Amino acid sequence: MKAKQFFAVTLGAIFLSACTATTSLRSTDPQLSIAINQDAPLVLAAPVEKTYKATSFGQYRFKATRADGEPMYGLVPLKFNNGYLVADILFFAPALFYNLREVYPFYEFDAEQGVVRYKKRAEDEWISYRPTAAEQQRAREYFATAK
């Protein structure tokens, strides 16, 4: 293998392994438990830090369960990452299939209101998101078959 090819493959492997983002999950209800994709449910009595892989086409489904109510289902809102797009184009184009979207740094789940709030920076205002009926159904089906 030539040095340039080795460098390109090594750079690509390093870049792909670094395509993760850490987020802080919290809830308005200290007894709310949240399951995201195949993660074990977490009780959000206090903010929880989690790291998730970036994705281009995948979704992060969630199930938020209150102690006294119906579960809330939906998809976690993801942000588009312009920096990854530029790096992928310049250095490793196949990564476009893996890493264009990632989790926001902050999420707040409010199952009572049926919304997920998210923001990029701690000082930003929350953006509220209400999962559509189709997204709720997709997440419900995912968790029904994921047992």
N, C-alpha and C. Protein backbone atom coordinates (compact mmCIF):
# COMPACT_ATOMS: atom_id res chain seq x y z
N MET A 1 0.85 -1.17 0.00
CA MET A 1 0.00 0.00 0.00
C MET A 1 0.90 1.24 0.00
N LYS A 2 0.58 2.15 -0.87
CA LYS A 2 1.37 3.36 -0.97
C LYS A 2 1.10 4.26 0.25
N ALA A 3 2.03 5.13 0.52
CA ALA A 3 1.93 6.00 1.69
C ALA A 3 0.69 6.89 1.64
N LYS A 4 0.37 7.42 0.45
CA LYS A 4 -0.81 8.29 0.33
C LYS A 4 -2.09 7.50 0.60
N GLN A 5 -2.16 6.28 0.09
CA GLN A 5 -3.34 5.45 0.32
C GLN A 5 -3.47 5.11 1.80
N PHE A 6 -2.35 4.75 2.41
CA PHE A 6 -2.36 4.42 3.83
C PHE A 6 -2.82 5.61 4.66
N PHE A 7 -2.30 6.79 4.33
CA PHE A 7 -2.68 8.01 5.04
C PHE A 7 -4.18 8.27 4.88
N ALA A 8 -4.71 8.12 3.67
CA ALA A 8 -6.13 8.37 3.41
C ALA A 8 -7.01 7.40 4.18
N VAL A 9 -6.63 6.13 4.19
CA VAL A 9 -7.41 5.12 4.92
C VAL A 9 -7.35 5.38 6.42
N THR A 10 -6.17 5.69 6.93
CA THR A 10 -6.01 5.98 8.36
C THR A 10 -6.80 7.22 8.75
N LEU A 11 -6.70 8.27 7.96
CA LEU A 11 -7.45 9.50 8.23
C LEU A 11 -8.95 9.23 8.22
N GLY A 12 -9.41 8.46 7.26
CA GLY A 12 -10.83 8.11 7.18
C GLY A 12 -11.29 7.33 8.40
N ALA A 13 -10.50 6.37 8.84
CA ALA A 13 -10.86 5.57 10.02
C ALA A 13 -10.91 6.44 11.28
N ILE A 14 -9.95 7.32 11.42
CA ILE A 14 -9.93 8.23 12.58
C ILE A 14 -11.13 9.16 12.53
N PHE A 15 -11.42 9.69 11.35
CA PHE A 15 -12.53 10.62 11.20
C PHE A 15 -13.86 9.94 11.52
N LEU A 16 -14.05 8.73 11.02
CA LEU A 16 -15.30 8.01 11.29
C LEU A 16 -15.46 7.68 12.76
N SER A 17 -14.38 7.32 13.43
CA SER A 17 -14.48 6.99 14.85
C SER A 17 -14.75 8.22 15.71
N ALA A 18 -14.43 9.40 15.20
CA ALA A 18 -14.64 10.62 15.96
C ALA A 18 -16.02 11.23 15.73
N CYS A 19 -16.85 10.60 14.96
CA CYS A 19 -18.16 11.16 14.61
C CYS A 19 -19.20 10.81 15.67
N THR A 20 -19.00 11.36 16.84
CA THR A 20 -19.95 11.19 17.92
C THR A 20 -20.22 12.56 18.54
N ALA A 21 -21.31 12.64 19.26
CA ALA A 21 -21.64 13.89 19.96
C ALA A 21 -22.21 13.54 21.32
N THR A 22 -21.87 14.35 22.30
CA THR A 22 -22.37 14.15 23.66
C THR A 22 -23.52 15.13 23.90
N THR A 23 -24.54 14.64 24.58
CA THR A 23 -25.71 15.44 24.87
C THR A 23 -26.07 15.32 26.33
N SER A 24 -26.80 16.30 26.81
CA SER A 24 -27.32 16.29 28.17
C SER A 24 -28.82 16.10 28.08
N LEU A 25 -29.32 15.03 28.70
CA LEU A 25 -30.75 14.72 28.72
C LEU A 25 -31.32 15.07 30.08
N ARG A 26 -32.45 15.79 30.09
CA ARG A 26 -33.09 16.09 31.35
C ARG A 26 -34.60 16.07 31.15
N SER A 27 -35.33 16.17 32.25
CA SER A 27 -36.78 16.08 32.18
C SER A 27 -37.41 17.08 33.13
N THR A 28 -38.65 17.46 32.82
CA THR A 28 -39.42 18.30 33.72
C THR A 28 -40.01 17.47 34.86
N ASP A 29 -40.03 16.15 34.70
CA ASP A 29 -40.56 15.21 35.70
C ASP A 29 -39.40 14.36 36.21
N PRO A 30 -39.02 14.48 37.50
CA PRO A 30 -37.86 13.74 38.01
C PRO A 30 -38.04 12.22 38.02
N GLN A 31 -39.24 11.73 37.77
CA GLN A 31 -39.47 10.29 37.73
C GLN A 31 -39.55 9.75 36.30
N LEU A 32 -39.39 10.60 35.32
CA LEU A 32 -39.48 10.18 33.93
C LEU A 32 -38.29 9.30 33.57
N SER A 33 -38.57 8.19 32.90
CA SER A 33 -37.48 7.37 32.38
C SER A 33 -37.52 7.47 30.86
N ILE A 34 -36.35 7.47 30.27
CA ILE A 34 -36.23 7.63 28.83
C ILE A 34 -35.39 6.49 28.27
N ALA A 35 -35.88 5.89 27.18
CA ALA A 35 -35.11 4.89 26.44
C ALA A 35 -34.92 5.44 25.04
N ILE A 36 -33.69 5.44 24.57
CA ILE A 36 -33.38 5.90 23.22
C ILE A 36 -32.75 4.74 22.47
N ASN A 37 -33.42 4.36 21.38
CA ASN A 37 -33.03 3.18 20.60
C ASN A 37 -32.79 1.99 21.52
N GLN A 38 -31.62 1.38 21.46
CA GLN A 38 -31.38 0.17 22.24
C GLN A 38 -30.81 0.42 23.63
N ASP A 39 -30.68 1.68 24.01
CA ASP A 39 -30.19 1.99 25.36
C ASP A 39 -31.17 1.49 26.41
N ALA A 40 -30.63 1.09 27.54
CA ALA A 40 -31.48 0.75 28.68
C ALA A 40 -32.14 2.04 29.16
N PRO A 41 -33.37 1.97 29.65
CA PRO A 41 -34.04 3.18 30.13
C PRO A 41 -33.26 3.86 31.26
N LEU A 42 -33.24 5.19 31.22
CA LEU A 42 -32.57 6.00 32.24
C LEU A 42 -33.61 6.86 32.94
N VAL A 43 -33.55 6.93 34.26
CA VAL A 43 -34.42 7.83 35.00
C VAL A 43 -33.74 9.19 35.01
N LEU A 44 -34.48 10.23 34.60
CA LEU A 44 -33.91 11.56 34.48
C LEU A 44 -34.20 12.42 35.70
N ALA A 45 -33.86 11.89 36.89
CA ALA A 45 -34.02 12.66 38.13
C ALA A 45 -33.06 13.85 38.14
N ALA A 46 -31.94 13.70 37.47
CA ALA A 46 -30.95 14.76 37.28
C ALA A 46 -30.48 14.64 35.83
N PRO A 47 -29.89 15.70 35.27
CA PRO A 47 -29.41 15.60 33.89
C PRO A 47 -28.42 14.45 33.72
N VAL A 48 -28.53 13.77 32.59
CA VAL A 48 -27.69 12.62 32.27
C VAL A 48 -26.92 12.94 30.99
N GLU A 49 -25.62 12.68 30.99
CA GLU A 49 -24.78 12.87 29.80
C GLU A 49 -24.71 11.55 29.03
N LYS A 50 -24.95 11.61 27.72
CA LYS A 50 -24.87 10.44 26.86
C LYS A 50 -24.16 10.83 25.58
N THR A 51 -23.47 9.85 24.97
CA THR A 51 -22.80 10.07 23.70
C THR A 51 -23.45 9.19 22.64
N TYR A 52 -23.74 9.77 21.50
CA TYR A 52 -24.38 9.06 20.40
C TYR A 52 -23.59 9.26 19.12
N LYS A 53 -23.62 8.27 18.26
CA LYS A 53 -22.96 8.36 16.97
C LYS A 53 -23.71 9.30 16.05
N ALA A 54 -22.96 9.97 15.19
CA ALA A 54 -23.58 10.78 14.16
C ALA A 54 -24.21 9.84 13.13
N THR A 55 -25.17 10.33 12.40
CA THR A 55 -25.86 9.51 11.41
C THR A 55 -26.29 10.39 10.24
N SER A 56 -26.39 9.83 9.08
CA SER A 56 -26.92 10.58 7.95
C SER A 56 -28.38 10.23 7.69
N PHE A 57 -28.72 8.97 7.82
CA PHE A 57 -30.06 8.53 7.46
C PHE A 57 -30.82 7.91 8.62
N GLY A 58 -30.15 7.57 9.70
CA GLY A 58 -30.80 6.92 10.83
C GLY A 58 -31.58 7.89 11.70
N GLN A 59 -32.31 7.32 12.62
CA GLN A 59 -33.11 8.08 13.57
C GLN A 59 -32.81 7.60 14.98
N TYR A 60 -32.99 8.46 15.94
CA TYR A 60 -32.95 8.07 17.34
C TYR A 60 -34.38 8.13 17.86
N ARG A 61 -34.97 6.95 18.06
CA ARG A 61 -36.33 6.85 18.56
C ARG A 61 -36.29 6.89 20.08
N PHE A 62 -37.33 7.46 20.70
CA PHE A 62 -37.36 7.47 22.16
C PHE A 62 -38.71 7.02 22.68
N LYS A 63 -38.65 6.53 23.90
CA LYS A 63 -39.85 6.19 24.67
C LYS A 63 -39.65 6.80 26.05
N ALA A 64 -40.49 7.79 26.38
CA ALA A 64 -40.42 8.46 27.67
C ALA A 64 -41.59 7.96 28.51
N THR A 65 -41.29 7.37 29.66
CA THR A 65 -42.33 6.76 30.49
C THR A 65 -42.42 7.48 31.83
N ARG A 66 -43.63 7.95 32.13
CA ARG A 66 -43.90 8.57 33.43
C ARG A 66 -44.40 7.51 34.38
N ALA A 67 -44.23 7.74 35.65
CA ALA A 67 -44.68 6.79 36.67
C ALA A 67 -46.19 6.65 36.66
N ASP A 68 -46.91 7.69 36.28
CA ASP A 68 -48.37 7.67 36.39
C ASP A 68 -49.10 7.88 35.06
N GLY A 69 -48.44 7.71 33.94
CA GLY A 69 -49.12 8.02 32.69
C GLY A 69 -48.70 7.17 31.52
N GLU A 70 -49.30 7.46 30.40
CA GLU A 70 -48.99 6.80 29.14
C GLU A 70 -47.58 7.18 28.69
N PRO A 71 -46.90 6.24 28.02
CA PRO A 71 -45.59 6.59 27.48
C PRO A 71 -45.71 7.61 26.34
N MET A 72 -44.68 8.38 26.19
CA MET A 72 -44.58 9.31 25.07
C MET A 72 -43.56 8.73 24.10
N TYR A 73 -43.89 8.68 22.83
CA TYR A 73 -43.00 8.15 21.81
C TYR A 73 -42.67 9.23 20.80
N GLY A 74 -41.52 9.10 20.16
CA GLY A 74 -41.17 10.02 19.09
C GLY A 74 -39.75 9.83 18.61
N LEU A 75 -39.30 10.78 17.81
CA LEU A 75 -37.94 10.79 17.29
C LEU A 75 -37.20 11.97 17.91
N VAL A 76 -35.96 11.75 18.29
CA VAL A 76 -35.14 12.82 18.85
C VAL A 76 -34.74 13.76 17.71
N PRO A 77 -35.02 15.06 17.84
CA PRO A 77 -34.59 16.01 16.79
C PRO A 77 -33.06 16.01 16.67
N LEU A 78 -32.57 15.98 15.45
CA LEU A 78 -31.13 15.99 15.20
C LEU A 78 -30.75 17.24 14.42
N LYS A 79 -29.51 17.68 14.61
CA LYS A 79 -29.04 18.85 13.89
C LYS A 79 -28.14 18.43 12.73
N PHE A 80 -28.19 19.21 11.67
CA PHE A 80 -27.33 19.00 10.51
C PHE A 80 -25.97 19.58 10.83
N ASN A 81 -24.91 18.85 10.52
CA ASN A 81 -23.57 19.29 10.85
C ASN A 81 -22.82 19.73 9.59
N ASN A 82 -22.77 21.03 9.35
CA ASN A 82 -22.08 21.58 8.18
C ASN A 82 -20.59 21.25 8.17
N GLY A 83 -19.97 21.27 9.34
CA GLY A 83 -18.53 20.99 9.43
C GLY A 83 -18.20 19.59 8.95
N TYR A 84 -19.01 18.61 9.33
CA TYR A 84 -18.78 17.25 8.85
C TYR A 84 -18.95 17.17 7.34
N LEU A 85 -19.93 17.89 6.80
CA LEU A 85 -20.15 17.88 5.36
C LEU A 85 -18.91 18.36 4.62
N VAL A 86 -18.36 19.48 5.05
CA VAL A 86 -17.16 20.04 4.41
C VAL A 86 -15.99 19.07 4.55
N ALA A 87 -15.78 18.53 5.73
CA ALA A 87 -14.67 17.59 5.93
C ALA A 87 -14.85 16.34 5.09
N ASP A 88 -16.08 15.85 5.00
CA ASP A 88 -16.34 14.66 4.19
C ASP A 88 -16.01 14.91 2.72
N ILE A 89 -16.44 16.06 2.22
CA ILE A 89 -16.18 16.39 0.82
C ILE A 89 -14.68 16.52 0.56
N LEU A 90 -13.97 17.15 1.47
CA LEU A 90 -12.55 17.39 1.27
C LEU A 90 -11.68 16.15 1.51
N PHE A 91 -12.05 15.31 2.51
CA PHE A 91 -11.12 14.26 2.91
C PHE A 91 -11.62 12.83 2.72
N PHE A 92 -12.91 12.61 2.86
CA PHE A 92 -13.37 11.21 2.84
C PHE A 92 -14.85 11.16 2.47
N ALA A 93 -15.13 11.30 1.17
CA ALA A 93 -16.51 11.41 0.68
C ALA A 93 -17.44 10.28 1.14
N PRO A 94 -17.01 9.02 1.27
CA PRO A 94 -17.94 7.98 1.72
C PRO A 94 -18.51 8.24 3.12
N ALA A 95 -17.88 9.08 3.91
CA ALA A 95 -18.40 9.38 5.25
C ALA A 95 -19.72 10.13 5.18
N LEU A 96 -20.04 10.69 4.02
CA LEU A 96 -21.33 11.37 3.86
C LEU A 96 -22.50 10.45 4.22
N PHE A 97 -22.30 9.16 4.09
CA PHE A 97 -23.36 8.20 4.38
C PHE A 97 -23.49 7.91 5.87
N TYR A 98 -22.60 8.45 6.70
CA TYR A 98 -22.59 8.09 8.11
C TYR A 98 -22.76 9.24 9.10
N ASN A 99 -22.46 10.48 8.73
CA ASN A 99 -22.26 11.45 9.80
C ASN A 99 -22.78 12.86 9.58
N LEU A 100 -23.81 13.06 8.82
CA LEU A 100 -24.25 14.44 8.55
C LEU A 100 -25.15 15.02 9.63
N ARG A 101 -25.73 14.18 10.47
CA ARG A 101 -26.61 14.68 11.53
C ARG A 101 -26.15 14.12 12.86
N GLU A 102 -26.35 14.90 13.90
CA GLU A 102 -25.96 14.47 15.24
C GLU A 102 -26.92 15.05 16.26
N VAL A 103 -26.82 14.57 17.49
CA VAL A 103 -27.69 15.06 18.55
C VAL A 103 -27.33 16.49 18.91
N TYR A 104 -28.33 17.23 19.38
CA TYR A 104 -28.09 18.55 19.94
C TYR A 104 -27.42 18.37 21.31
N PRO A 105 -26.72 19.37 21.80
CA PRO A 105 -26.06 19.23 23.10
C PRO A 105 -27.03 19.18 24.30
N PHE A 106 -28.25 19.70 24.14
CA PHE A 106 -29.18 19.76 25.28
C PHE A 106 -30.59 19.34 24.85
N TYR A 107 -31.18 18.44 25.64
CA TYR A 107 -32.57 18.03 25.44
C TYR A 107 -33.30 18.07 26.77
N GLU A 108 -34.58 18.42 26.70
CA GLU A 108 -35.45 18.35 27.86
C GLU A 108 -36.75 17.68 27.41
N PHE A 109 -37.12 16.59 28.08
CA PHE A 109 -38.32 15.85 27.74
C PHE A 109 -39.44 16.25 28.69
N ASP A 110 -40.57 16.63 28.12
CA ASP A 110 -41.75 17.01 28.89
C ASP A 110 -42.90 16.13 28.43
N ALA A 111 -43.05 14.95 29.05
CA ALA A 111 -44.07 13.99 28.65
C ALA A 111 -45.47 14.50 28.94
N GLU A 112 -45.62 15.30 29.98
CA GLU A 112 -46.94 15.83 30.31
C GLU A 112 -47.47 16.73 29.20
N GLN A 113 -46.60 17.57 28.62
CA GLN A 113 -46.98 18.46 27.52
C GLN A 113 -46.82 17.79 26.15
N GLY A 114 -46.12 16.64 26.11
CA GLY A 114 -45.91 15.94 24.85
C GLY A 114 -44.89 16.60 23.94
N VAL A 115 -43.89 17.27 24.53
CA VAL A 115 -42.89 17.96 23.72
C VAL A 115 -41.48 17.57 24.15
N VAL A 116 -40.57 17.74 23.21
CA VAL A 116 -39.14 17.63 23.46
C VAL A 116 -38.57 19.00 23.17
N ARG A 117 -37.79 19.52 24.10
CA ARG A 117 -37.13 20.81 23.90
C ARG A 117 -35.65 20.54 23.66
N TYR A 118 -35.04 21.35 22.81
CA TYR A 118 -33.63 21.17 22.52
C TYR A 118 -32.98 22.51 22.23
N LYS A 119 -31.65 22.55 22.37
CA LYS A 119 -30.90 23.77 22.07
C LYS A 119 -29.43 23.43 21.85
N LYS A 120 -28.74 24.35 21.15
CA LYS A 120 -27.33 24.15 20.83
C LYS A 120 -26.41 24.57 21.97
N ARG A 121 -26.72 25.71 22.61
CA ARG A 121 -25.87 26.23 23.68
C ARG A 121 -26.69 26.40 24.95
N ALA A 122 -26.06 26.30 26.08
CA ALA A 122 -26.75 26.38 27.36
C ALA A 122 -27.52 27.69 27.51
N GLU A 123 -27.00 28.78 26.97
CA GLU A 123 -27.64 30.08 27.12
C GLU A 123 -28.75 30.33 26.10
N ASP A 124 -28.91 29.46 25.12
CA ASP A 124 -29.96 29.61 24.11
C ASP A 124 -31.34 29.35 24.70
N GLU A 125 -32.37 29.86 24.02
CA GLU A 125 -33.75 29.55 24.36
C GLU A 125 -34.06 28.14 23.87
N TRP A 126 -34.95 27.46 24.58
CA TRP A 126 -35.37 26.12 24.17
C TRP A 126 -36.20 26.22 22.89
N ILE A 127 -36.02 25.26 22.00
CA ILE A 127 -36.86 25.08 20.81
C ILE A 127 -37.76 23.89 21.12
N SER A 128 -39.06 24.07 21.02
CA SER A 128 -40.00 22.99 21.33
C SER A 128 -40.34 22.20 20.08
N TYR A 129 -40.43 20.92 20.24
CA TYR A 129 -40.74 20.01 19.14
C TYR A 129 -41.77 19.00 19.62
N ARG A 130 -42.84 18.84 18.88
CA ARG A 130 -43.88 17.86 19.20
C ARG A 130 -43.83 16.79 18.11
N PRO A 131 -43.54 15.54 18.49
CA PRO A 131 -43.48 14.47 17.48
C PRO A 131 -44.81 14.34 16.74
N THR A 132 -44.72 14.12 15.43
CA THR A 132 -45.93 13.91 14.63
C THR A 132 -46.52 12.54 14.94
N ALA A 133 -47.76 12.33 14.52
CA ALA A 133 -48.41 11.03 14.74
C ALA A 133 -47.63 9.91 14.05
N ALA A 134 -47.11 10.17 12.86
CA ALA A 134 -46.32 9.15 12.14
C ALA A 134 -45.03 8.82 12.89
N GLU A 135 -44.36 9.83 13.42
CA GLU A 135 -43.13 9.59 14.18
C GLU A 135 -43.43 8.81 15.46
N GLN A 136 -44.53 9.16 16.12
CA GLN A 136 -44.91 8.44 17.33
C GLN A 136 -45.18 6.97 17.01
N GLN A 137 -45.87 6.73 15.91
CA GLN A 137 -46.19 5.35 15.53
C GLN A 137 -44.92 4.56 15.19
N ARG A 138 -44.00 5.17 14.45
CA ARG A 138 -42.73 4.51 14.13
C ARG A 138 -41.96 4.13 15.38
N ALA A 139 -41.90 5.05 16.34
CA ALA A 139 -41.18 4.77 17.60
C ALA A 139 -41.92 3.69 18.39
N ARG A 140 -43.24 3.75 18.44
CA ARG A 140 -44.04 2.76 19.16
C ARG A 140 -43.78 1.36 18.57
N GLU A 141 -43.77 1.26 17.25
CA GLU A 141 -43.51 -0.03 16.60
C GLU A 141 -42.09 -0.50 16.87
N TYR A 142 -41.15 0.41 16.85
CA TYR A 142 -39.76 0.05 17.13
C TYR A 142 -39.62 -0.56 18.52
N PHE A 143 -40.19 0.09 19.52
CA PHE A 143 -40.05 -0.41 20.89
C PHE A 143 -40.88 -1.68 21.13
N ALA A 144 -41.96 -1.86 20.39
CA ALA A 144 -42.76 -3.08 20.51
C ALA A 144 -41.99 -4.29 19.99
N THR A 145 -41.15 -4.10 18.97
CA THR A 145 -40.41 -5.21 18.40
C THR A 145 -38.98 -5.33 18.95
N ALA A 146 -38.52 -4.35 19.70
CA ALA A 146 -37.13 -4.33 20.19
C ALA A 146 -36.93 -5.15 21.46
N LYS A 147 -37.94 -5.80 21.94
CA LYS A 147 -37.83 -6.52 23.22
C LYS A 147 -36.96 -7.71 23.15
